[in-house]
Protein backbone atom coordinates (compact mmCIF):
# COMPACT_ATOMS: atom_id res chain seq x y z
CA MET A 1 139.14 84.90 78.11
CA ALA A 2 140.45 88.34 79.08
CA ASP A 3 143.61 87.56 77.10
CA ALA A 4 141.55 86.82 73.99
CA ALA A 5 139.86 90.23 74.21
CA ALA A 6 143.24 91.92 74.72
CA ASP A 7 144.76 90.00 71.77
CA SER A 8 141.97 90.93 69.38
CA GLY A 9 142.39 94.62 70.24
CA ALA A 10 138.69 95.14 71.03
CA ALA A 11 137.78 96.83 74.27
CA PRO A 12 135.58 94.77 76.56
CA GLN A 13 131.96 95.81 76.34
CA GLU A 14 130.20 97.27 79.35
CA PRO A 15 127.16 95.29 80.49
CA ARG A 16 123.97 97.16 79.69
CA ALA A 17 121.23 97.65 82.24
CA ARG A 18 117.90 96.17 81.25
CA ARG A 19 114.67 98.05 81.65
CA ILE A 20 112.11 95.65 83.06
CA VAL A 21 108.42 96.41 83.03
CA TYR A 22 106.38 95.35 86.06
CA CYS A 23 102.63 94.85 85.96
CA GLY A 24 100.61 97.56 87.72
CA VAL A 25 98.09 94.96 88.96
CA CYS A 26 100.08 91.99 90.27
CA SER A 27 103.60 93.59 90.32
CA LEU A 28 105.14 90.68 88.38
CA PRO A 29 106.80 91.06 84.98
CA PRO A 30 104.05 90.68 82.33
CA GLU A 31 105.52 87.38 81.15
CA TYR A 32 104.64 85.91 84.58
CA CYS A 33 101.22 87.52 85.17
CA GLU A 34 99.55 84.16 84.56
CA PHE A 35 100.94 83.00 87.91
CA GLY A 36 99.46 85.95 89.84
CA GLY A 37 95.80 84.95 89.68
CA THR A 38 94.55 88.21 88.13
CA THR A 39 95.31 87.41 84.49
CA LYS A 40 92.35 89.28 82.97
CA LYS A 41 93.06 92.49 84.90
CA CYS A 42 96.78 92.19 84.12
CA GLU A 43 96.04 91.81 80.41
CA GLU A 44 93.79 94.89 80.43
CA TRP A 45 96.47 96.91 82.25
CA LEU A 46 99.17 95.80 79.79
CA LYS A 47 96.96 96.62 76.80
CA GLN A 48 96.40 100.13 78.15
CA HIS A 49 99.96 100.95 79.28
CA HIS A 50 102.23 98.87 76.97
CA PRO A 51 100.33 97.95 73.77
CA ASP A 52 103.45 96.70 71.98
CA MET A 53 104.25 94.22 74.76
CA HIS A 54 100.57 93.21 74.92
CA GLU A 55 100.66 92.43 71.20
CA ARG A 56 103.82 90.34 71.64
CA LEU A 57 102.41 88.32 74.57
CA TYR A 58 98.67 88.07 73.83
CA SER A 59 98.41 88.08 70.03
CA GLU A 60 96.73 85.12 68.33
CA GLU A 61 100.08 83.90 66.96
CA ALA A 62 101.77 84.01 70.39
CA ILE A 63 98.92 82.16 72.08
CA SER A 64 98.65 79.51 69.35
CA ALA A 65 102.44 79.01 69.34
CA SER A 66 102.54 78.44 73.09
CA LEU A 67 99.48 76.15 73.00
CA SER A 68 100.76 74.06 70.08
CA SER A 69 103.70 72.89 72.16
CA LEU A 70 101.35 71.53 74.87
CA SER A 71 99.57 68.21 74.80
CA VAL A 72 95.78 68.07 75.00
CA GLU A 73 95.92 66.98 78.65
CA ALA A 74 98.32 69.79 79.54
CA ARG A 75 96.02 72.33 77.84
CA GLU A 76 93.05 71.10 79.87
CA ARG A 77 95.10 71.22 83.08
CA ALA A 78 96.29 74.76 82.27
CA ALA A 79 92.70 75.91 81.62
CA LYS A 80 91.51 74.35 84.91
CA ASP A 81 94.40 75.92 86.84
CA ALA A 82 93.69 79.34 85.34
CA ALA A 83 90.00 79.05 86.23
CA LYS A 84 90.86 77.99 89.81
CA LYS A 85 93.28 80.88 90.27
CA GLU A 86 90.81 83.39 88.91
CA ALA A 87 88.01 82.08 91.17
CA LYS A 88 90.35 82.15 94.17
CA ALA A 89 91.39 85.74 93.45
CA ALA A 90 87.74 86.82 93.03
CA LEU A 91 86.80 85.13 96.31
CA ALA A 92 89.69 86.84 98.13
CA GLU A 93 88.68 90.21 96.68
CA ALA A 94 85.04 89.68 97.74
CA ARG A 95 86.12 88.58 101.23
CA ASN A 96 88.34 91.66 101.55
CA ALA A 97 85.49 93.96 100.45
CA GLU A 98 83.13 92.28 102.95
CA ARG A 99 85.66 92.66 105.79
CA LYS A 100 86.19 96.30 104.87
CA ALA A 101 82.44 96.97 104.84
CA ALA A 102 82.03 95.42 108.30
CA ALA A 103 85.04 97.18 109.90
CA LYS A 104 84.09 99.94 112.33
CA VAL A 105 86.04 103.13 112.95
CA GLN A 106 85.66 104.30 116.54
CA ILE A 107 86.30 107.85 117.68
CA LYS A 108 86.60 107.90 121.49
CA ARG A 109 86.72 110.91 123.73
CA VAL A 110 88.88 109.86 126.69
CA GLU A 111 89.10 111.95 129.87
CA ARG A 112 92.66 112.23 131.16
CA ASN A 113 92.28 114.58 134.13
CA LYS A 114 89.40 116.73 135.33
CA ARG A 115 89.00 118.81 132.17
CA LYS A 116 91.70 117.33 129.95
CA PHE A 117 90.69 115.11 127.04
CA VAL A 118 92.26 113.19 124.19
CA THR A 119 90.51 111.74 121.17
CA VAL A 120 91.44 108.19 120.15
CA VAL A 121 90.68 106.82 116.68
CA THR A 122 90.76 103.06 116.05
CA GLY A 123 89.94 100.88 113.03
CA LEU A 124 91.38 103.02 110.23
CA GLU A 125 93.93 100.42 109.09
CA ALA A 126 91.11 98.03 108.09
CA HIS A 127 90.07 100.59 105.46
CA GLY A 128 93.55 100.77 103.95
CA LEU A 129 94.63 104.10 105.43
CA ASP A 130 98.22 104.80 106.50
CA LEU A 131 97.97 105.62 110.21
CA LYS A 132 101.14 107.74 110.36
CA LYS A 133 100.01 109.84 107.41
CA VAL A 134 96.52 110.32 108.87
CA ALA A 135 98.02 111.23 112.28
CA LYS A 136 100.16 113.88 110.63
CA GLU A 137 97.14 115.26 108.72
CA LEU A 138 95.11 115.41 111.96
CA GLY A 139 97.91 117.21 113.80
CA LYS A 140 97.98 119.87 111.08
CA LYS A 141 94.19 120.09 110.80
CA PHE A 142 93.57 120.64 114.52
CA ALA A 143 96.91 122.35 115.32
CA THR A 144 97.61 119.88 118.10
CA GLY A 145 99.68 116.84 118.97
CA SER A 146 98.74 113.64 117.19
CA SER A 147 100.53 110.28 117.18
CA VAL A 148 100.15 106.59 116.44
CA THR A 149 100.18 104.52 119.64
CA LYS A 150 99.54 100.91 120.66
CA SER A 151 96.38 100.15 122.62
CA ALA A 152 96.23 97.80 125.59
CA ALA A 153 94.96 95.10 123.21
CA GLY A 154 97.99 95.58 120.97
CA ALA A 155 96.20 97.27 118.05
CA GLU A 156 97.46 100.54 116.62
CA GLU A 157 95.40 103.68 117.18
CA ILE A 158 95.74 107.42 116.64
CA THR A 159 95.73 109.67 119.72
CA VAL A 160 94.90 113.35 119.17
CA GLN A 161 95.31 115.87 121.99
CA GLY A 162 92.07 117.64 122.87
CA ASP A 163 88.35 117.04 122.54
CA VAL A 164 88.01 117.07 118.75
CA GLY A 165 85.69 114.07 118.26
CA ASP A 166 82.86 115.83 116.43
CA ASP A 167 85.19 117.77 114.16
CA LEU A 168 87.22 114.63 113.51
CA TYR A 169 84.03 112.75 112.56
CA ASP A 170 83.15 115.46 110.02
CA TRP A 171 86.73 115.55 108.70
CA LEU A 172 86.82 111.76 108.19
CA ILE A 173 83.58 111.88 106.18
CA GLU A 174 84.77 114.85 104.13
CA VAL A 175 88.32 113.68 103.38
CA HIS A 176 88.11 109.86 103.54
CA GLY A 177 84.42 109.34 102.74
CA LYS A 178 85.27 107.30 99.65
CA ASP A 179 87.33 104.86 101.78
CA ILE A 180 85.09 104.68 104.87
CA PRO A 181 81.28 104.50 104.71
CA GLU A 182 79.62 106.98 107.08
CA GLU A 183 77.64 104.23 108.83
CA ASN A 184 80.94 102.58 109.85
CA ILE A 185 82.11 105.59 111.89
CA GLU A 186 80.89 105.84 115.48
CA LEU A 187 81.52 108.31 118.30
CA VAL A 188 82.11 106.84 121.79
CA GLU A 189 82.63 108.67 125.09
CA ASP A 190 84.91 106.93 127.58
CA LYS A 191 85.60 108.24 131.09
CA LYS A 192 88.69 107.02 132.90
CA LYS A 193 88.26 106.32 136.60
CA GLY A 194 90.73 107.48 139.21
CA GLY A 195 93.01 110.34 138.33
CA GLY A 196 95.93 112.38 139.35
């Protein structure tokens, strides 16, 4: 085949890179959004961000052309499957919102030595916050050391040097109040026994 291109005198063409659009809702290409379970939201996103592609995929002609190739039974099955997927996605979203509403954020003041304290924050990951980013913000805010550590139970928590529990409570409400309801944040004082 390379000899044929050399014989004809034409230079071989370079392959061109394709620009593929990915859905902002389900992260699939728009042609496959129907398999993601959030078809209605995907369609709204596509209509807003790529109207030309929306017209190509969701116009009356495109829908009727794709449906005309299906049998009546296949159409009914497709409608049932779409309804099941949409109900499943709505149930998962409701369950996630319920879990997020019930998740508690604890701010503990832990005594290390006689007058040395650290503040430990747990439960932020349930509200969708990036622990490393929040730890960095807290370190800057209180001009102190702050890191993400593992608790004895194996869960991740943020440890901030110093007794900053009250200020941290106010900061969480001010900065992340939209993510965490105020009633889900609680202050706890914990004294360690023994010492060094």
